[in-house]
N, C-alpha and C. Protein backbone atom coordinates (compact mmCIF):
# COMPACT_ATOMS: atom_id res chain seq x y z
N UNK A 1 -115.08 -131.60 68.08
CA UNK A 1 -114.29 -130.55 69.00
C UNK A 1 -112.86 -130.92 69.18
N UNK A 2 -112.00 -129.54 68.37
CA UNK A 2 -110.41 -129.42 67.98
C UNK A 2 -109.78 -129.65 69.61
N UNK A 3 -108.83 -131.04 68.37
CA UNK A 3 -107.43 -131.48 69.79
C UNK A 3 -106.72 -130.66 69.77
N UNK A 4 -105.65 -129.66 70.31
CA UNK A 4 -106.34 -129.79 72.01
C UNK A 4 -106.57 -128.59 71.74
N UNK A 5 -107.74 -128.59 72.54
CA UNK A 5 -108.00 -126.78 72.73
C UNK A 5 -108.69 -127.46 74.56
N UNK A 6 -109.50 -126.13 74.76
CA UNK A 6 -110.51 -126.16 76.30
C UNK A 6 -111.59 -126.85 75.99
N UNK A 7 -112.15 -127.20 74.89
CA UNK A 7 -113.71 -127.46 74.93
C UNK A 7 -113.21 -129.55 75.00
N UNK A 8 -112.21 -129.95 75.02
CA UNK A 8 -111.80 -131.11 74.00
C UNK A 8 -111.18 -131.28 75.66
N UNK A 9 -110.74 -131.12 75.95
CA UNK A 9 -110.31 -131.24 77.48
C UNK A 9 -111.13 -131.77 78.68
N UNK A 10 -112.59 -130.36 78.49
CA UNK A 10 -113.50 -130.35 79.22
C UNK A 10 -114.15 -131.62 78.81
N UNK A 11 -114.35 -132.03 77.72
CA UNK A 11 -115.15 -133.56 77.84
C UNK A 11 -114.11 -134.65 77.71
N UNK A 12 -112.94 -134.87 78.13
CA UNK A 12 -112.34 -135.48 78.63
C UNK A 12 -112.64 -136.32 79.75
N UNK A 13 -111.94 -134.36 80.76
CA UNK A 13 -112.36 -135.07 82.38
C UNK A 13 -113.92 -135.16 82.65
N UNK A 14 -114.76 -134.75 81.21
CA UNK A 14 -117.03 -135.24 81.95
C UNK A 14 -116.21 -136.56 81.71
N UNK A 15 -115.61 -136.88 80.80
CA UNK A 15 -116.00 -139.07 80.20
C UNK A 15 -114.60 -139.60 81.81
N UNK A 16 -113.89 -139.26 81.89
CA UNK A 16 -113.52 -139.86 83.65
C UNK A 16 -114.10 -139.09 84.27
N UNK A 17 -115.16 -138.59 85.10
CA UNK A 17 -115.19 -137.61 86.15
C UNK A 17 -117.25 -138.33 86.26
N UNK A 18 -117.09 -139.35 84.27
CA UNK A 18 -118.00 -140.56 84.23
C UNK A 18 -118.39 -141.79 84.98
N UNK A 19 -116.78 -141.83 84.98
CA UNK A 19 -117.06 -143.34 84.85
C UNK A 19 -117.04 -143.14 86.48
N UNK A 20 -117.94 -144.92 87.15
CA UNK A 20 -118.03 -145.22 88.19
C UNK A 20 -116.60 -145.93 89.39
N UNK A 21 -115.56 -145.58 88.65
CA UNK A 21 -114.62 -145.99 89.19
C UNK A 21 -113.56 -144.42 89.73
N UNK A 22 -114.21 -143.36 89.44
CA UNK A 22 -113.65 -142.30 89.07
C UNK A 22 -113.65 -141.58 90.76
N UNK A 23 -114.22 -141.56 91.63
CA UNK A 23 -114.32 -140.96 93.37
C UNK A 23 -113.71 -141.77 93.78
N UNK A 24 -113.18 -143.45 93.63
CA UNK A 24 -112.15 -144.09 94.58
C UNK A 24 -110.80 -143.31 93.87
N UNK A 25 -110.83 -143.34 92.71
CA UNK A 25 -109.16 -143.01 91.48
C UNK A 25 -108.42 -141.56 92.73
N UNK A 26 -109.69 -140.97 93.16
CA UNK A 26 -109.44 -139.58 93.46
C UNK A 26 -109.25 -139.29 94.23
N UNK A 27 -110.50 -140.11 95.98
CA UNK A 27 -110.28 -140.94 96.36
C UNK A 27 -108.80 -140.02 97.82
N UNK A 28 -108.83 -139.29 98.76
CA UNK A 28 -107.04 -139.27 98.84
C UNK A 28 -106.17 -138.12 98.04
N UNK A 29 -106.37 -137.62 96.83
CA UNK A 29 -105.94 -136.95 95.97
C UNK A 29 -105.84 -135.21 95.92
N UNK A 30 -105.37 -135.16 96.48
CA UNK A 30 -105.11 -133.53 97.16
C UNK A 30 -103.72 -132.26 96.47
N UNK A 31 -103.85 -132.75 94.26
CA UNK A 31 -102.63 -132.52 94.37
C UNK A 31 -103.56 -131.99 92.35
N UNK A 32 -103.09 -130.49 92.33
CA UNK A 32 -102.93 -129.81 90.84
C UNK A 32 -101.85 -130.69 90.09
N UNK A 33 -103.23 -130.71 88.27
CA UNK A 33 -102.45 -130.92 87.24
C UNK A 33 -101.63 -129.48 86.77
N UNK A 34 -100.70 -130.06 85.93
CA UNK A 34 -100.76 -128.78 84.34
C UNK A 34 -100.14 -129.96 83.46
N UNK A 35 -100.68 -129.50 82.52
CA UNK A 35 -100.54 -129.93 81.03
C UNK A 35 -99.80 -129.10 80.10
N UNK A 36 -98.90 -129.57 79.41
CA UNK A 36 -99.06 -128.75 78.11
C UNK A 36 -98.92 -129.77 77.44
N UNK A 37 -98.57 -128.97 76.38
CA UNK A 37 -98.91 -129.08 74.12
C UNK A 37 -98.25 -128.20 73.81
N UNK A 38 -97.50 -129.08 73.44
CA UNK A 38 -96.29 -127.85 72.67
C UNK A 38 -97.02 -128.25 70.89
N UNK A 39 -97.25 -127.50 70.63
CA UNK A 39 -97.77 -127.36 69.01
C UNK A 39 -96.94 -126.68 67.88
N UNK A 40 -97.46 -126.67 66.90
CA UNK A 40 -96.63 -126.28 65.85
C UNK A 40 -97.02 -124.07 65.64
N UNK A 41 -98.48 -123.83 66.04
CA UNK A 41 -98.70 -123.25 66.53
C UNK A 41 -97.91 -122.03 68.12
N UNK A 42 -97.85 -122.87 68.43
CA UNK A 42 -96.90 -122.10 70.08
C UNK A 42 -98.08 -123.01 71.47
N UNK A 43 -97.32 -123.32 71.95
CA UNK A 43 -97.23 -123.82 73.33
C UNK A 43 -98.56 -123.70 74.00
N UNK A 44 -99.11 -124.36 74.73
CA UNK A 44 -100.62 -124.40 74.86
C UNK A 44 -100.17 -125.26 76.59
N UNK A 45 -101.04 -124.21 77.05
CA UNK A 45 -101.36 -125.71 79.12
C UNK A 45 -102.53 -125.36 79.38
N UNK A 46 -102.72 -125.77 80.16
CA UNK A 46 -103.84 -125.98 80.56
C UNK A 46 -103.39 -126.83 81.78
N UNK A 47 -104.97 -125.92 82.72
CA UNK A 47 -104.75 -126.58 84.60
C UNK A 47 -105.38 -127.18 85.26
N UNK A 48 -105.82 -127.83 85.62
CA UNK A 48 -106.58 -128.40 86.20
C UNK A 48 -106.75 -129.17 88.10
N UNK A 49 -107.57 -128.03 88.33
CA UNK A 49 -107.33 -127.95 89.69
C UNK A 49 -107.26 -129.69 91.15
N UNK A 50 -107.10 -129.60 92.49
CA UNK A 50 -107.57 -130.59 93.28
C UNK A 50 -108.91 -130.94 92.47
N UNK A 51 -108.69 -131.83 92.68
CA UNK A 51 -110.71 -133.19 93.20
C UNK A 51 -110.93 -132.83 94.23
N UNK A 52 -112.39 -132.53 93.65
CA UNK A 52 -113.74 -132.26 94.83
C UNK A 52 -114.68 -132.85 94.51
N UNK A 53 -114.65 -133.74 95.59
CA UNK A 53 -115.91 -134.84 95.44
C UNK A 53 -116.16 -135.78 94.77
N UNK A 54 -115.23 -135.97 94.29
CA UNK A 54 -114.54 -137.46 93.77
C UNK A 54 -114.98 -136.78 92.22
N UNK A 55 -114.61 -135.81 92.21
CA UNK A 55 -114.94 -135.14 90.57
C UNK A 55 -113.25 -134.38 90.55
N UNK A 56 -113.01 -134.59 88.86
CA UNK A 56 -111.75 -133.58 89.05
C UNK A 56 -112.51 -131.92 88.03
N UNK A 57 -111.34 -131.09 89.15
CA UNK A 57 -112.65 -129.67 87.70
C UNK A 57 -112.43 -129.92 86.60
N UNK A 58 -112.99 -128.29 86.12
CA UNK A 58 -112.54 -128.10 84.94
C UNK A 58 -111.21 -127.82 84.66
N UNK A 59 -111.06 -128.15 83.71
CA UNK A 59 -109.69 -127.61 82.94
C UNK A 59 -109.63 -125.84 82.38
N UNK A 60 -108.56 -125.43 82.49
CA UNK A 60 -108.37 -123.68 81.98
C UNK A 60 -107.26 -124.09 81.44
N UNK A 61 -106.96 -123.26 80.17
CA UNK A 61 -106.02 -122.86 79.36
C UNK A 61 -105.25 -122.26 79.44
N UNK A 62 -104.44 -122.24 79.64
CA UNK A 62 -103.66 -120.87 79.25
C UNK A 62 -102.64 -120.99 79.14
N UNK A 63 -101.19 -119.64 78.96
CA UNK A 63 -100.04 -119.75 78.83
C UNK A 63 -99.20 -120.38 78.95
N UNK A 64 -98.56 -121.03 78.87
CA UNK A 64 -97.64 -122.65 80.18
C UNK A 64 -96.19 -121.25 80.73
N UNK A 65 -96.40 -120.53 81.11
CA UNK A 65 -95.82 -119.48 81.49
C UNK A 65 -96.98 -119.39 83.11
N UNK A 66 -97.86 -119.36 82.53
CA UNK A 66 -99.00 -119.48 83.59
C UNK A 66 -98.90 -120.40 84.68
N UNK A 67 -99.21 -121.01 83.60
CA UNK A 67 -98.87 -122.76 84.18
C UNK A 67 -97.65 -122.96 85.23
N UNK A 68 -96.82 -122.74 84.65
CA UNK A 68 -95.62 -122.61 84.93
C UNK A 68 -96.09 -122.12 86.78
N UNK A 69 -96.16 -120.83 86.68
CA UNK A 69 -96.56 -119.64 87.88
C UNK A 69 -97.74 -120.37 88.99
N UNK A 70 -98.71 -120.73 88.87
CA UNK A 70 -99.72 -121.44 89.25
C UNK A 70 -98.33 -122.46 90.05
N UNK A 71 -97.28 -123.93 89.55
CA UNK A 71 -96.69 -124.97 90.17
C UNK A 71 -97.83 -125.88 90.27
N UNK A 72 -98.06 -126.21 89.78
CA UNK A 72 -99.01 -127.31 89.99
C UNK A 72 -97.84 -128.83 90.18
N UNK A 73 -99.28 -129.33 91.29
CA UNK A 73 -97.56 -130.78 91.90
C UNK A 73 -97.31 -131.76 90.78
N UNK A 74 -98.80 -131.27 90.11
CA UNK A 74 -98.15 -132.42 89.09
C UNK A 74 -98.26 -132.29 87.46
N UNK A 75 -97.06 -132.00 86.21
CA UNK A 75 -97.01 -131.82 85.28
C UNK A 75 -96.34 -132.33 84.22
N UNK A 76 -97.27 -132.40 83.13
CA UNK A 76 -96.43 -133.60 82.14
C UNK A 76 -96.93 -132.65 80.62
N UNK A 77 -95.21 -132.69 80.08
CA UNK A 77 -95.50 -132.28 78.28
C UNK A 77 -95.53 -132.56 77.85
N UNK A 78 -95.56 -133.09 76.59
CA UNK A 78 -95.31 -133.34 75.38
C UNK A 78 -96.01 -132.50 74.36
N UNK A 79 -94.86 -132.85 73.15
CA UNK A 79 -95.69 -132.37 71.79
C UNK A 79 -97.07 -132.47 71.27
N UNK A 80 -97.83 -131.91 70.25
CA UNK A 80 -99.29 -132.62 70.17
C UNK A 80 -99.20 -133.57 69.79
N UNK A 81 -98.31 -134.23 68.21
CA UNK A 81 -97.72 -135.77 68.19
C UNK A 81 -97.75 -136.78 69.09
N UNK A 82 -96.77 -136.39 70.45
CA UNK A 82 -97.58 -137.17 71.36
C UNK A 82 -98.08 -137.76 71.56
N UNK A 83 -99.35 -136.30 72.21
CA UNK A 83 -100.27 -136.89 72.92
C UNK A 83 -101.38 -137.58 72.39
N UNK A 84 -101.02 -137.18 71.32
CA UNK A 84 -102.54 -138.09 70.00
C UNK A 84 -101.95 -138.98 69.88
N UNK A 85 -101.11 -139.08 70.15
CA UNK A 85 -100.31 -140.85 69.61
C UNK A 85 -100.29 -141.08 71.59
N UNK A 86 -100.05 -140.91 72.32
CA UNK A 86 -100.50 -141.73 73.73
C UNK A 86 -101.89 -141.52 73.70
N UNK A 87 -102.63 -140.44 73.35
CA UNK A 87 -104.47 -141.09 73.38
C UNK A 87 -104.66 -141.82 72.83
N UNK A 88 -104.55 -142.39 71.47
CA UNK A 88 -104.41 -143.25 69.91
C UNK A 88 -104.04 -144.14 70.66
N UNK A 89 -102.66 -145.25 71.38
CA UNK A 89 -103.11 -146.57 71.98
C UNK A 89 -101.49 -146.27 71.48
N UNK A 90 -100.94 -145.29 70.19
CA UNK A 90 -99.87 -145.83 69.41
C UNK A 90 -98.49 -145.80 71.05
N UNK A 91 -98.16 -144.94 71.75
CA UNK A 91 -97.41 -144.77 71.98
C UNK A 91 -97.77 -144.98 73.43
N UNK A 92 -96.66 -146.51 73.95
CA UNK A 92 -96.07 -146.22 75.73
C UNK A 92 -96.24 -145.22 76.26
N UNK A 93 -96.69 -144.50 77.48
CA UNK A 93 -95.58 -143.68 78.12
C UNK A 93 -94.94 -144.69 78.84
N UNK A 94 -94.45 -145.66 79.19
CA UNK A 94 -93.20 -145.89 80.18
C UNK A 94 -91.90 -145.17 79.32
N UNK A 95 -91.57 -146.20 78.02
CA UNK A 95 -90.91 -145.64 77.09
C UNK A 95 -90.62 -144.39 76.28
N UNK A 96 -91.83 -143.47 76.68
CA UNK A 96 -92.09 -142.08 76.10
C UNK A 96 -91.15 -141.39 77.18
N UNK A 97 -91.95 -141.82 78.65
CA UNK A 97 -91.39 -141.05 80.14
C UNK A 97 -89.84 -140.89 79.74
N UNK A 98 -89.66 -142.34 79.35
CA UNK A 98 -87.38 -143.39 79.31
C UNK A 98 -87.02 -142.30 78.33
N UNK A 99 -87.70 -142.20 76.78
CA UNK A 99 -87.60 -141.42 75.56
C UNK A 99 -86.96 -140.22 75.51
N UNK A 100 -87.70 -139.17 76.84
CA UNK A 100 -88.55 -137.75 77.95
C UNK A 100 -89.17 -137.06 76.71
N UNK A 101 -90.01 -138.30 75.76
CA UNK A 101 -90.95 -137.93 74.49
C UNK A 101 -92.18 -136.89 75.43
N UNK A 102 -92.31 -137.52 76.79
CA UNK A 102 -92.96 -137.15 77.65
C UNK A 102 -92.32 -136.92 78.30
N UNK A 103 -92.16 -135.46 79.18
CA UNK A 103 -91.84 -135.31 80.68
C UNK A 103 -92.59 -135.12 81.75
N UNK A 104 -92.39 -135.45 82.47
CA UNK A 104 -93.67 -135.50 84.64
C UNK A 104 -92.53 -135.54 85.31
N UNK A 105 -93.66 -134.50 86.27
CA UNK A 105 -93.03 -134.84 87.73
C UNK A 105 -94.46 -134.37 88.07
N UNK A 106 -93.85 -134.85 88.80
CA UNK A 106 -94.52 -134.59 90.75
C UNK A 106 -93.99 -136.24 90.89
N UNK A 107 -95.43 -136.52 92.58
CA UNK A 107 -94.98 -137.70 93.02
C UNK A 107 -95.58 -138.61 92.29
N UNK A 108 -94.73 -139.73 91.93
CA UNK A 108 -95.67 -140.98 90.98
C UNK A 108 -95.74 -142.11 91.92
N UNK A 109 -95.09 -141.74 93.53
CA UNK A 109 -95.78 -142.39 94.23
C UNK A 109 -97.74 -142.67 94.27
N UNK A 110 -97.84 -141.18 94.00
CA UNK A 110 -98.86 -141.33 94.52
C UNK A 110 -100.03 -141.67 93.02
N UNK A 111 -99.43 -141.75 91.87
CA UNK A 111 -99.66 -141.95 90.65
C UNK A 111 -99.59 -144.17 90.64
N UNK A 112 -98.75 -144.41 90.74
CA UNK A 112 -98.07 -146.02 91.78
C UNK A 112 -99.12 -145.82 92.67
N UNK A 113 -99.33 -145.51 93.60
CA UNK A 113 -100.60 -146.31 94.48
C UNK A 113 -101.92 -146.36 94.32
N UNK A 114 -102.58 -146.01 92.86
CA UNK A 114 -103.21 -146.67 92.32
C UNK A 114 -103.18 -146.92 90.59
N UNK A 115 -102.26 -147.21 91.08
CA UNK A 115 -102.48 -148.42 89.96
C UNK A 115 -103.46 -149.62 89.43
N UNK A 116 -104.20 -149.47 90.99
CA UNK A 116 -105.08 -151.02 90.91
C UNK A 116 -106.29 -150.35 89.57
N UNK A 117 -106.45 -148.66 89.40
CA UNK A 117 -107.29 -148.13 88.53
C UNK A 117 -107.16 -148.55 87.77
N UNK A 118 -106.21 -149.23 86.97
CA UNK A 118 -105.85 -149.75 85.33
C UNK A 118 -106.98 -149.50 84.84
N UNK A 119 -107.80 -150.18 85.09
CA UNK A 119 -109.25 -150.71 84.07
C UNK A 119 -109.60 -148.78 83.69
N UNK A 120 -110.11 -148.04 84.57
CA UNK A 120 -110.32 -146.32 84.44
C UNK A 120 -109.63 -146.15 83.91
N UNK A 121 -108.41 -145.87 83.53
CA UNK A 121 -108.20 -145.68 82.61
C UNK A 121 -107.76 -146.60 81.26
N UNK A 122 -107.83 -146.76 81.30
CA UNK A 122 -108.33 -148.05 79.67
C UNK A 122 -108.96 -146.98 79.31
N UNK A 123 -109.99 -147.68 80.16
CA UNK A 123 -111.82 -147.16 79.16
C UNK A 123 -111.66 -145.80 79.02
N UNK A 124 -111.17 -144.69 79.78
CA UNK A 124 -111.33 -143.63 79.56
C UNK A 124 -110.02 -142.79 78.43
N UNK A 125 -108.96 -144.15 79.27
CA UNK A 125 -108.44 -143.88 76.88
C UNK A 125 -109.56 -144.34 75.82
N UNK A 126 -109.96 -144.90 76.34
CA UNK A 126 -111.08 -145.50 74.96
C UNK A 126 -112.09 -145.26 74.10
N UNK A 127 -112.62 -144.23 75.34
CA UNK A 127 -113.38 -143.27 75.15
C UNK A 127 -112.79 -142.23 73.58
N UNK A 128 -111.56 -141.50 74.63
CA UNK A 128 -111.29 -140.43 73.54
C UNK A 128 -110.68 -141.55 72.42
N UNK A 129 -110.05 -142.89 72.11
CA UNK A 129 -109.54 -143.37 70.98
C UNK A 129 -110.72 -141.87 70.05
N UNK A 130 -110.33 -142.33 68.51
CA UNK A 130 -110.64 -141.03 67.69
C UNK A 130 -110.99 -139.68 68.11
N UNK A 131 -110.99 -139.61 69.07
CA UNK A 131 -111.11 -137.85 69.11
C UNK A 131 -110.09 -136.69 68.77
N UNK A 132 -108.21 -137.62 68.91
CA UNK A 132 -107.58 -136.05 68.82
C UNK A 132 -107.55 -135.70 67.14
């Protein structure tokens, strides 16, 4: 599956949902997500709706303008190279945020409240490594 496309993102969501901690991590989460990948051939957006029954829904690829019109509660944007580096573990998300290589918007308190699910994030990224 080529990165980044809708099939790759769907497989990534499936991997997240397959983790036994996914239900706990999504419990009480009532916000949607938007991701934008700035690619050389043009930006591509992905919309991920609100989790339901402990699972993230399938992502939907769309133009960044359409994604912006949906106004998801959480939004992240980076270049294709930086998304690849984040997934591969070559770019730490905190410095990426500080350096504005990753631009994120939303209530980070909800993310911070779920830091005890860091193992889920690490397992998920490990699963994705080598697929980008």
